């Protein structure tokens, strides 16, 4: 019977690809399930049997630790170079979108509060 190893919902494609490659390199038999047509099933990587589950989990933990260290190093590099995206940068990239979202937010807030202001 299959054993759940790694859930793929909201996982970047490169990370899923690297996990598949890691398992293949170590000759660990696995299969993958998708989210289905409607996206309600659980996309995941499953082991064929649980005989190598502890080895697979150890490999996955090591991989995720390395990925975390790379991501932190990249973040620190971007921060040091001034390339890190900030809220202000996001607003400046698309000011019209920001203004429209702010207007929609204020409209919803107005509609929500107005019945209580007339009491």
N, C-alpha and C. Protein backbone atom coordinates (compact mmCIF):
# COMPACT_ATOMS: atom_id res chain seq x y z
N UNK A 1 0.84 -1.18 0.00
CA UNK A 1 0.00 0.00 0.00
C UNK A 1 0.89 1.24 0.00
N UNK A 2 0.46 2.26 -0.70
CA UNK A 2 1.23 3.49 -0.81
C UNK A 2 1.29 4.27 0.49
N UNK A 3 2.38 5.01 0.65
CA UNK A 3 2.59 5.82 1.85
C UNK A 3 2.87 7.26 1.41
N UNK A 4 2.13 8.20 1.98
CA UNK A 4 2.31 9.61 1.64
C UNK A 4 3.69 10.09 2.08
N UNK A 5 4.40 10.71 1.15
CA UNK A 5 5.72 11.25 1.48
C UNK A 5 5.74 12.77 1.42
N UNK A 6 5.14 13.34 0.36
CA UNK A 6 5.32 14.78 0.12
C UNK A 6 4.09 15.33 -0.57
N UNK A 7 3.40 16.27 0.06
CA UNK A 7 2.24 16.92 -0.55
C UNK A 7 2.72 17.97 -1.54
N UNK A 8 2.06 18.03 -2.70
CA UNK A 8 2.50 18.93 -3.76
C UNK A 8 1.64 20.18 -3.92
N UNK A 9 0.62 20.35 -3.09
CA UNK A 9 -0.23 21.53 -3.23
C UNK A 9 0.57 22.77 -2.84
N UNK A 10 0.57 23.76 -3.70
CA UNK A 10 1.28 25.04 -3.51
C UNK A 10 2.80 24.88 -3.49
N UNK A 11 3.31 23.82 -4.07
CA UNK A 11 4.75 23.59 -4.15
C UNK A 11 5.23 24.09 -5.52
N UNK A 12 6.29 24.89 -5.57
CA UNK A 12 6.81 25.35 -6.86
C UNK A 12 7.23 24.16 -7.74
N UNK A 13 7.11 24.34 -9.04
CA UNK A 13 7.45 23.27 -9.99
C UNK A 13 8.90 22.81 -9.85
N UNK A 14 9.81 23.76 -9.63
CA UNK A 14 11.22 23.36 -9.52
C UNK A 14 11.47 22.50 -8.29
N UNK A 15 10.78 22.79 -7.19
CA UNK A 15 10.95 21.98 -5.99
C UNK A 15 10.39 20.57 -6.20
N UNK A 16 9.22 20.47 -6.82
CA UNK A 16 8.63 19.16 -7.09
C UNK A 16 9.53 18.35 -8.02
N UNK A 17 10.08 19.02 -9.02
CA UNK A 17 10.98 18.34 -9.96
C UNK A 17 12.23 17.83 -9.23
N UNK A 18 12.79 18.65 -8.35
CA UNK A 18 13.99 18.26 -7.61
C UNK A 18 13.72 17.11 -6.65
N UNK A 19 12.52 17.07 -6.04
CA UNK A 19 12.17 15.96 -5.14
C UNK A 19 12.04 14.68 -5.94
N UNK A 20 11.39 14.75 -7.11
CA UNK A 20 11.28 13.56 -7.97
C UNK A 20 12.67 13.06 -8.37
N UNK A 21 13.53 13.99 -8.74
CA UNK A 21 14.89 13.64 -9.16
C UNK A 21 15.67 13.01 -7.99
N UNK A 22 15.52 13.55 -6.80
CA UNK A 22 16.20 13.03 -5.62
C UNK A 22 15.78 11.58 -5.35
N UNK A 23 14.48 11.33 -5.43
CA UNK A 23 14.00 9.97 -5.20
C UNK A 23 14.48 9.01 -6.29
N UNK A 24 14.49 9.47 -7.53
CA UNK A 24 14.95 8.63 -8.63
C UNK A 24 16.43 8.31 -8.50
N UNK A 25 17.24 9.28 -8.11
CA UNK A 25 18.68 9.07 -7.95
C UNK A 25 18.99 8.02 -6.89
N UNK A 26 18.12 7.91 -5.89
CA UNK A 26 18.36 6.95 -4.81
C UNK A 26 17.53 5.67 -5.00
N UNK A 27 16.99 5.49 -6.20
CA UNK A 27 16.22 4.29 -6.55
C UNK A 27 15.09 3.98 -5.57
N UNK A 28 14.39 5.03 -5.19
CA UNK A 28 13.23 4.87 -4.31
C UNK A 28 11.99 4.90 -5.20
N UNK A 29 11.22 3.81 -5.19
CA UNK A 29 10.02 3.70 -6.02
C UNK A 29 8.93 4.61 -5.47
N UNK A 30 8.38 5.43 -6.34
CA UNK A 30 7.31 6.35 -5.93
C UNK A 30 6.34 6.52 -7.08
N UNK A 31 5.20 7.06 -6.76
CA UNK A 31 4.25 7.47 -7.78
C UNK A 31 3.63 8.79 -7.33
N UNK A 32 2.95 9.43 -8.26
CA UNK A 32 2.45 10.77 -8.01
C UNK A 32 0.96 10.83 -8.32
N UNK A 33 0.23 11.56 -7.48
CA UNK A 33 -1.18 11.81 -7.75
C UNK A 33 -1.35 13.29 -8.05
N UNK A 34 -2.30 13.59 -8.91
CA UNK A 34 -2.54 14.99 -9.29
C UNK A 34 -3.74 15.53 -8.52
N UNK A 35 -4.00 16.81 -8.71
CA UNK A 35 -5.13 17.45 -8.03
C UNK A 35 -6.45 17.12 -8.73
N UNK A 36 -6.38 16.48 -9.88
CA UNK A 36 -7.59 16.13 -10.60
C UNK A 36 -8.10 17.29 -11.44
N UNK A 37 -9.16 17.05 -12.16
CA UNK A 37 -9.72 18.05 -13.07
C UNK A 37 -10.25 19.27 -12.32
N UNK A 38 -10.82 19.04 -11.17
CA UNK A 38 -11.41 20.15 -10.41
C UNK A 38 -10.49 20.69 -9.34
N UNK A 39 -9.35 20.08 -9.16
CA UNK A 39 -8.38 20.56 -8.18
C UNK A 39 -8.72 20.25 -6.75
N UNK A 40 -9.59 19.25 -6.51
CA UNK A 40 -9.99 18.95 -5.13
C UNK A 40 -9.28 17.73 -4.54
N UNK A 41 -8.62 16.96 -5.39
CA UNK A 41 -7.87 15.81 -4.89
C UNK A 41 -6.54 16.29 -4.34
N UNK A 42 -5.82 15.40 -3.67
CA UNK A 42 -4.55 15.79 -3.06
C UNK A 42 -3.39 15.44 -3.99
N UNK A 43 -2.74 16.46 -4.56
CA UNK A 43 -1.54 16.17 -5.34
C UNK A 43 -0.40 15.84 -4.38
N UNK A 44 0.25 14.71 -4.62
CA UNK A 44 1.29 14.28 -3.69
C UNK A 44 2.21 13.27 -4.34
N UNK A 45 3.33 13.06 -3.68
CA UNK A 45 4.26 11.99 -4.05
C UNK A 45 4.12 10.92 -2.99
N UNK A 46 3.91 9.70 -3.44
CA UNK A 46 3.68 8.56 -2.56
C UNK A 46 4.77 7.52 -2.80
N UNK A 47 5.14 6.83 -1.76
CA UNK A 47 6.07 5.71 -1.90
C UNK A 47 5.27 4.45 -2.20
N UNK A 48 5.84 3.56 -2.99
CA UNK A 48 5.17 2.30 -3.33
C UNK A 48 4.91 1.46 -2.08
N UNK A 49 5.91 1.40 -1.20
CA UNK A 49 5.74 0.68 0.07
C UNK A 49 6.55 1.42 1.13
N UNK A 50 6.31 1.06 2.38
CA UNK A 50 6.95 1.81 3.46
C UNK A 50 8.30 1.25 3.89
N UNK A 51 8.88 0.34 3.12
CA UNK A 51 10.16 -0.24 3.52
C UNK A 51 11.31 0.78 3.51
N UNK A 52 11.22 1.80 2.66
CA UNK A 52 12.28 2.81 2.59
C UNK A 52 11.78 4.19 3.00
N UNK A 53 10.71 4.20 3.79
CA UNK A 53 10.11 5.46 4.20
C UNK A 53 11.06 6.32 5.03
N UNK A 54 11.73 5.73 6.00
CA UNK A 54 12.64 6.52 6.86
C UNK A 54 13.79 7.09 6.04
N UNK A 55 14.31 6.32 5.08
CA UNK A 55 15.39 6.82 4.22
C UNK A 55 14.89 7.98 3.36
N UNK A 56 13.70 7.84 2.80
CA UNK A 56 13.14 8.89 1.95
C UNK A 56 12.88 10.16 2.75
N UNK A 57 12.36 10.01 3.95
CA UNK A 57 12.10 11.19 4.80
C UNK A 57 13.39 11.88 5.20
N UNK A 58 14.43 11.11 5.46
CA UNK A 58 15.73 11.70 5.80
C UNK A 58 16.30 12.47 4.61
N UNK A 59 16.20 11.87 3.41
CA UNK A 59 16.67 12.56 2.20
C UNK A 59 15.89 13.85 1.98
N UNK A 60 14.58 13.78 2.18
CA UNK A 60 13.72 14.94 1.98
C UNK A 60 14.04 16.04 3.00
N UNK A 61 14.28 15.66 4.24
CA UNK A 61 14.62 16.64 5.28
C UNK A 61 15.94 17.34 4.95
N UNK A 62 16.92 16.58 4.49
CA UNK A 62 18.21 17.15 4.11
C UNK A 62 18.04 18.11 2.93
N UNK A 63 17.27 17.67 1.94
CA UNK A 63 17.03 18.51 0.76
C UNK A 63 16.35 19.82 1.16
N UNK A 64 15.32 19.73 2.01
CA UNK A 64 14.58 20.94 2.39
C UNK A 64 15.46 21.88 3.22
N UNK A 65 16.34 21.34 4.02
CA UNK A 65 17.26 22.18 4.78
C UNK A 65 18.21 22.93 3.84
N UNK A 66 18.72 22.23 2.83
CA UNK A 66 19.60 22.86 1.84
C UNK A 66 18.85 23.94 1.05
N UNK A 67 17.61 23.64 0.69
CA UNK A 67 16.80 24.61 -0.06
C UNK A 67 16.54 25.85 0.79
N UNK A 68 16.28 25.66 2.07
CA UNK A 68 16.07 26.78 2.98
C UNK A 68 17.32 27.65 3.07
N UNK A 69 18.47 27.03 3.20
CA UNK A 69 19.72 27.78 3.29
C UNK A 69 19.97 28.58 2.01
N UNK A 70 19.69 27.98 0.84
CA UNK A 70 19.87 28.70 -0.43
C UNK A 70 18.92 29.88 -0.52
N UNK A 71 17.67 29.68 -0.11
CA UNK A 71 16.68 30.76 -0.18
C UNK A 71 17.08 31.91 0.76
N UNK A 72 17.53 31.58 1.95
CA UNK A 72 17.95 32.63 2.89
C UNK A 72 19.17 33.38 2.36
N UNK A 73 20.11 32.65 1.77
CA UNK A 73 21.30 33.30 1.21
C UNK A 73 20.91 34.23 0.06
N UNK A 74 20.00 33.78 -0.78
CA UNK A 74 19.54 34.63 -1.89
C UNK A 74 18.81 35.87 -1.37
N UNK A 75 18.00 35.69 -0.34
CA UNK A 75 17.30 36.83 0.26
C UNK A 75 18.30 37.84 0.83
N UNK A 76 19.29 37.36 1.55
CA UNK A 76 20.30 38.25 2.13
C UNK A 76 21.10 38.96 1.04
N UNK A 77 21.40 38.25 -0.05
CA UNK A 77 22.13 38.86 -1.16
C UNK A 77 21.30 39.97 -1.79
N UNK A 78 20.01 39.70 -2.03
CA UNK A 78 19.13 40.71 -2.61
C UNK A 78 18.97 41.90 -1.67
N UNK A 79 18.87 41.62 -0.40
CA UNK A 79 18.73 42.69 0.59
C UNK A 79 19.98 43.57 0.61
N UNK A 80 21.16 42.94 0.57
CA UNK A 80 22.42 43.70 0.60
C UNK A 80 22.60 44.53 -0.66
N UNK A 81 22.14 44.03 -1.80
CA UNK A 81 22.28 44.74 -3.08
C UNK A 81 21.16 45.73 -3.32
N UNK A 82 20.15 45.73 -2.45
CA UNK A 82 19.01 46.63 -2.64
C UNK A 82 18.03 46.15 -3.69
N UNK A 83 18.07 44.87 -4.02
CA UNK A 83 17.18 44.31 -5.03
C UNK A 83 15.92 43.69 -4.43
N UNK A 84 15.83 43.64 -3.11
CA UNK A 84 14.69 43.01 -2.45
C UNK A 84 13.44 43.84 -2.71
N UNK A 85 12.38 43.18 -3.14
CA UNK A 85 11.13 43.88 -3.43
C UNK A 85 10.45 44.28 -2.13
N UNK A 86 9.97 45.50 -2.09
CA UNK A 86 9.26 46.02 -0.93
C UNK A 86 7.83 46.36 -1.35
N UNK A 87 7.00 46.70 -0.39
CA UNK A 87 5.62 47.09 -0.70
C UNK A 87 5.63 48.33 -1.59
N UNK A 88 6.50 49.26 -1.29
CA UNK A 88 6.59 50.48 -2.10
C UNK A 88 6.96 50.14 -3.54
N UNK A 89 7.90 49.22 -3.75
CA UNK A 89 8.28 48.80 -5.10
C UNK A 89 7.10 48.18 -5.83
N UNK A 90 6.32 47.36 -5.12
CA UNK A 90 5.16 46.73 -5.74
C UNK A 90 4.12 47.76 -6.16
N UNK A 91 3.93 48.78 -5.33
CA UNK A 91 2.98 49.85 -5.67
C UNK A 91 3.48 50.62 -6.88
N UNK A 92 4.77 50.91 -6.93
CA UNK A 92 5.34 51.66 -8.05
C UNK A 92 5.33 50.86 -9.36
N UNK A 93 5.35 49.53 -9.27
CA UNK A 93 5.31 48.70 -10.48
C UNK A 93 3.96 48.79 -11.18
N UNK A 94 2.89 48.91 -10.38
CA UNK A 94 1.56 49.03 -10.99
C UNK A 94 0.68 49.94 -10.13
N UNK A 95 0.87 51.26 -10.26
CA UNK A 95 0.13 52.20 -9.42
C UNK A 95 -1.38 52.19 -9.70
N UNK A 96 -1.76 51.97 -10.96
CA UNK A 96 -3.18 51.95 -11.28
C UNK A 96 -3.88 50.79 -10.58
N UNK A 97 -3.26 49.66 -10.58
CA UNK A 97 -3.82 48.49 -9.90
C UNK A 97 -3.98 48.78 -8.41
N UNK A 98 -2.97 49.41 -7.82
CA UNK A 98 -3.03 49.75 -6.40
C UNK A 98 -4.17 50.72 -6.12
N UNK A 99 -4.33 51.73 -6.95
CA UNK A 99 -5.39 52.73 -6.75
C UNK A 99 -6.77 52.08 -6.87
N UNK A 100 -6.94 51.20 -7.87
CA UNK A 100 -8.23 50.53 -8.05
C UNK A 100 -8.54 49.59 -6.88
N UNK A 101 -7.54 48.86 -6.40
CA UNK A 101 -7.77 47.98 -5.25
C UNK A 101 -8.08 48.78 -3.99
N UNK A 102 -7.40 49.90 -3.81
CA UNK A 102 -7.66 50.76 -2.66
C UNK A 102 -9.07 51.34 -2.73
N UNK A 103 -9.49 51.77 -3.92
CA UNK A 103 -10.84 52.30 -4.11
C UNK A 103 -11.89 51.22 -3.81
N UNK A 104 -11.65 49.99 -4.28
CA UNK A 104 -12.59 48.90 -4.02
C UNK A 104 -12.66 48.61 -2.52
N UNK A 105 -11.53 48.63 -1.85
CA UNK A 105 -11.49 48.40 -0.41
C UNK A 105 -12.28 49.48 0.33
N UNK A 106 -12.07 50.73 -0.04
CA UNK A 106 -12.77 51.82 0.61
C UNK A 106 -14.27 51.76 0.34
N UNK A 107 -14.66 51.33 -0.85
CA UNK A 107 -16.08 51.19 -1.19
C UNK A 107 -16.73 50.12 -0.32
N UNK A 108 -16.08 48.99 -0.19
CA UNK A 108 -16.62 47.90 0.65
C UNK A 108 -16.69 48.35 2.10
N UNK A 109 -15.69 49.04 2.56
CA UNK A 109 -15.70 49.55 3.92
C UNK A 109 -16.85 50.54 4.12
N UNK A 110 -17.07 51.42 3.16
CA UNK A 110 -18.16 52.40 3.22
C UNK A 110 -19.51 51.69 3.28
N UNK A 111 -19.72 50.71 2.40
CA UNK A 111 -20.99 49.97 2.36
C UNK A 111 -21.21 49.22 3.68
N UNK A 112 -20.14 48.71 4.27
CA UNK A 112 -20.25 47.95 5.51
C UNK A 112 -20.56 48.82 6.72
N UNK A 113 -20.06 50.04 6.74
CA UNK A 113 -20.19 50.91 7.91
C UNK A 113 -21.42 51.82 7.83
N UNK A 114 -21.86 52.19 6.67
CA UNK A 114 -22.94 53.17 6.51
C UNK A 114 -24.23 52.80 7.28
N UNK A 115 -24.70 51.57 7.29
CA UNK A 115 -25.93 51.30 8.04
C UNK A 115 -25.81 51.61 9.53
N UNK A 116 -24.65 51.52 10.08
CA UNK A 116 -24.46 51.79 11.51
C UNK A 116 -24.27 53.28 11.79
N UNK A 117 -23.91 54.05 10.78
CA UNK A 117 -23.68 55.47 10.97
C UNK A 117 -25.01 56.25 11.00
N UNK A 118 -26.08 55.68 10.51
CA UNK A 118 -27.36 56.39 10.44
C UNK A 118 -28.22 56.18 11.67
N UNK A 119 -27.73 55.45 12.64
CA UNK A 119 -28.52 55.18 13.84
C UNK A 119 -28.64 56.35 14.71
